[in-house]
Amino acid sequence: MDRAEVARELAMAKTIATHQRRVETDTNSPLVTFLESVTGKKAGSVAYGTEGAQMTILGSEAVVLGPGDIREAHRTGEFVPVDELNRCVDILSQAIRHFCY
């Protein structure tokens, strides 16, 4: 994809960004099954907005994964425990090695 094509795709994603839509990634997706195996947790659904919908427009699969507790997110005093942050770095590093090398 050249720069002009990327710019068009991003402009389209920006336009659609204001229109959240439901995103559901196949539970048999290699990405989902890999992350389930690495985290030891079963994939599920969440009922809040993310940029996942916009990423799928660009052709990627979307998953919501990260450290912390959603009940603490976006509030005064928001925090992420360091051990959870380190675990997330490990998980993402494994995913990068698995899918990108």
Protein backbone atom coordinates (compact mmCIF):
# COMPACT_ATOMS: atom_id res chain seq x y z
CA MET A 1 0.00 0.00 0.00
CA ASP A 2 1.47 3.38 -0.95
CA ARG A 3 1.17 6.56 1.13
CA ALA A 4 -1.86 7.85 -0.76
CA GLU A 5 -3.73 4.59 -0.20
CA VAL A 6 -2.86 4.63 3.51
CA ALA A 7 -4.06 8.24 3.76
CA ARG A 8 -7.37 7.32 2.10
CA GLU A 9 -7.82 4.34 4.43
CA LEU A 10 -7.09 6.48 7.49
CA ALA A 11 -9.50 9.18 6.31
CA MET A 12 -12.18 6.53 5.88
CA ALA A 13 -11.43 5.13 9.35
CA LYS A 14 -11.64 8.63 10.83
CA THR A 15 -15.03 9.16 9.20
CA ILE A 16 -16.31 5.87 10.52
CA ALA A 17 -14.78 6.46 13.97
CA THR A 18 -17.77 8.52 14.95
CA HIS A 19 -20.07 5.59 14.19
CA GLN A 20 -19.23 2.81 16.64
CA ARG A 21 -20.34 -0.59 15.51
CA ARG A 22 -20.22 -4.00 17.08
CA VAL A 23 -17.09 -6.02 16.39
CA GLU A 24 -16.85 -9.73 16.96
CA THR A 25 -13.63 -11.58 16.20
CA ASP A 26 -14.02 -15.29 15.45
CA THR A 27 -13.17 -17.31 18.57
CA ASN A 28 -11.32 -19.77 16.32
CA SER A 29 -9.08 -17.01 15.00
CA PRO A 30 -5.37 -17.83 15.37
CA LEU A 31 -4.96 -14.51 17.22
CA VAL A 32 -7.72 -15.29 19.71
CA THR A 33 -6.60 -18.87 20.33
CA PHE A 34 -2.98 -17.76 20.75
CA LEU A 35 -3.90 -15.07 23.27
CA GLU A 36 -6.13 -17.49 25.17
CA SER A 37 -3.24 -19.95 25.44
CA VAL A 38 -0.74 -17.31 26.55
CA THR A 39 -3.02 -15.60 29.07
CA GLY A 40 -4.76 -18.74 30.31
CA LYS A 41 -8.07 -16.90 29.97
CA LYS A 42 -11.04 -17.59 27.72
CA ALA A 43 -12.03 -14.83 25.26
CA GLY A 44 -15.30 -13.04 25.93
CA SER A 45 -17.23 -9.91 25.04
CA VAL A 46 -17.16 -6.41 26.48
CA ALA A 47 -19.85 -3.76 26.35
CA TYR A 48 -17.82 -0.61 25.92
CA GLY A 49 -16.33 1.30 23.02
CA THR A 50 -12.83 0.78 21.65
CA GLU A 51 -11.06 1.59 18.41
CA GLY A 52 -11.51 -2.06 17.40
CA ALA A 53 -14.20 -1.29 14.86
CA GLN A 54 -11.95 1.15 13.06
CA MET A 55 -9.07 -1.32 13.00
CA THR A 56 -11.24 -3.99 11.36
CA ILE A 57 -12.10 -1.54 8.58
CA LEU A 58 -8.39 -1.48 7.78
CA GLY A 59 -8.38 -5.26 7.53
CA SER A 60 -7.15 -6.37 10.94
CA GLU A 61 -8.74 -8.54 13.57
CA ALA A 62 -9.64 -6.76 16.78
CA VAL A 63 -9.12 -7.94 20.33
CA VAL A 64 -9.22 -5.94 23.55
CA LEU A 65 -6.30 -6.88 25.75
CA GLY A 66 -4.43 -4.96 28.37
CA PRO A 67 -3.44 -4.61 31.98
CA GLY A 68 -5.54 -3.19 34.75
CA ASP A 69 -9.16 -3.37 35.74
CA ILE A 70 -11.83 -1.67 33.62
CA ARG A 71 -13.53 -0.57 36.84
CA GLU A 72 -10.48 1.60 37.56
CA ALA A 73 -10.09 2.93 34.01
CA HIS A 74 -10.74 6.54 33.02
CA ARG A 75 -11.38 7.73 36.57
CA THR A 76 -9.66 10.02 39.01
CA GLY A 77 -6.89 7.96 40.57
CA GLU A 78 -6.72 5.55 37.64
CA PHE A 79 -3.82 3.12 38.00
CA VAL A 80 -2.34 -0.10 36.62
CA PRO A 81 -0.38 -2.38 38.95
CA VAL A 82 3.23 -2.72 37.77
CA ASP A 83 3.11 -6.53 37.83
CA GLU A 84 0.09 -6.47 35.47
CA LEU A 85 1.88 -4.02 33.19
CA ASN A 86 4.94 -6.30 33.08
CA ARG A 87 2.74 -9.33 32.35
CA CYS A 88 1.09 -7.44 29.48
CA VAL A 89 4.51 -6.56 28.01
CA ASP A 90 5.39 -10.26 28.14
CA ILE A 91 2.13 -11.30 26.44
CA LEU A 92 2.48 -8.70 23.68
CA SER A 93 6.15 -9.65 23.17
CA GLN A 94 5.15 -13.29 22.74
CA ALA A 95 2.43 -12.30 20.26
CA ILE A 96 4.87 -10.20 18.24
CA ARG A 97 7.40 -13.04 18.12
CA HIS A 98 4.68 -15.52 17.15
CA PHE A 99 2.94 -13.50 14.44
CA CYS A 100 5.65 -11.18 13.11
CA TYR A 101 8.79 -13.30 12.84
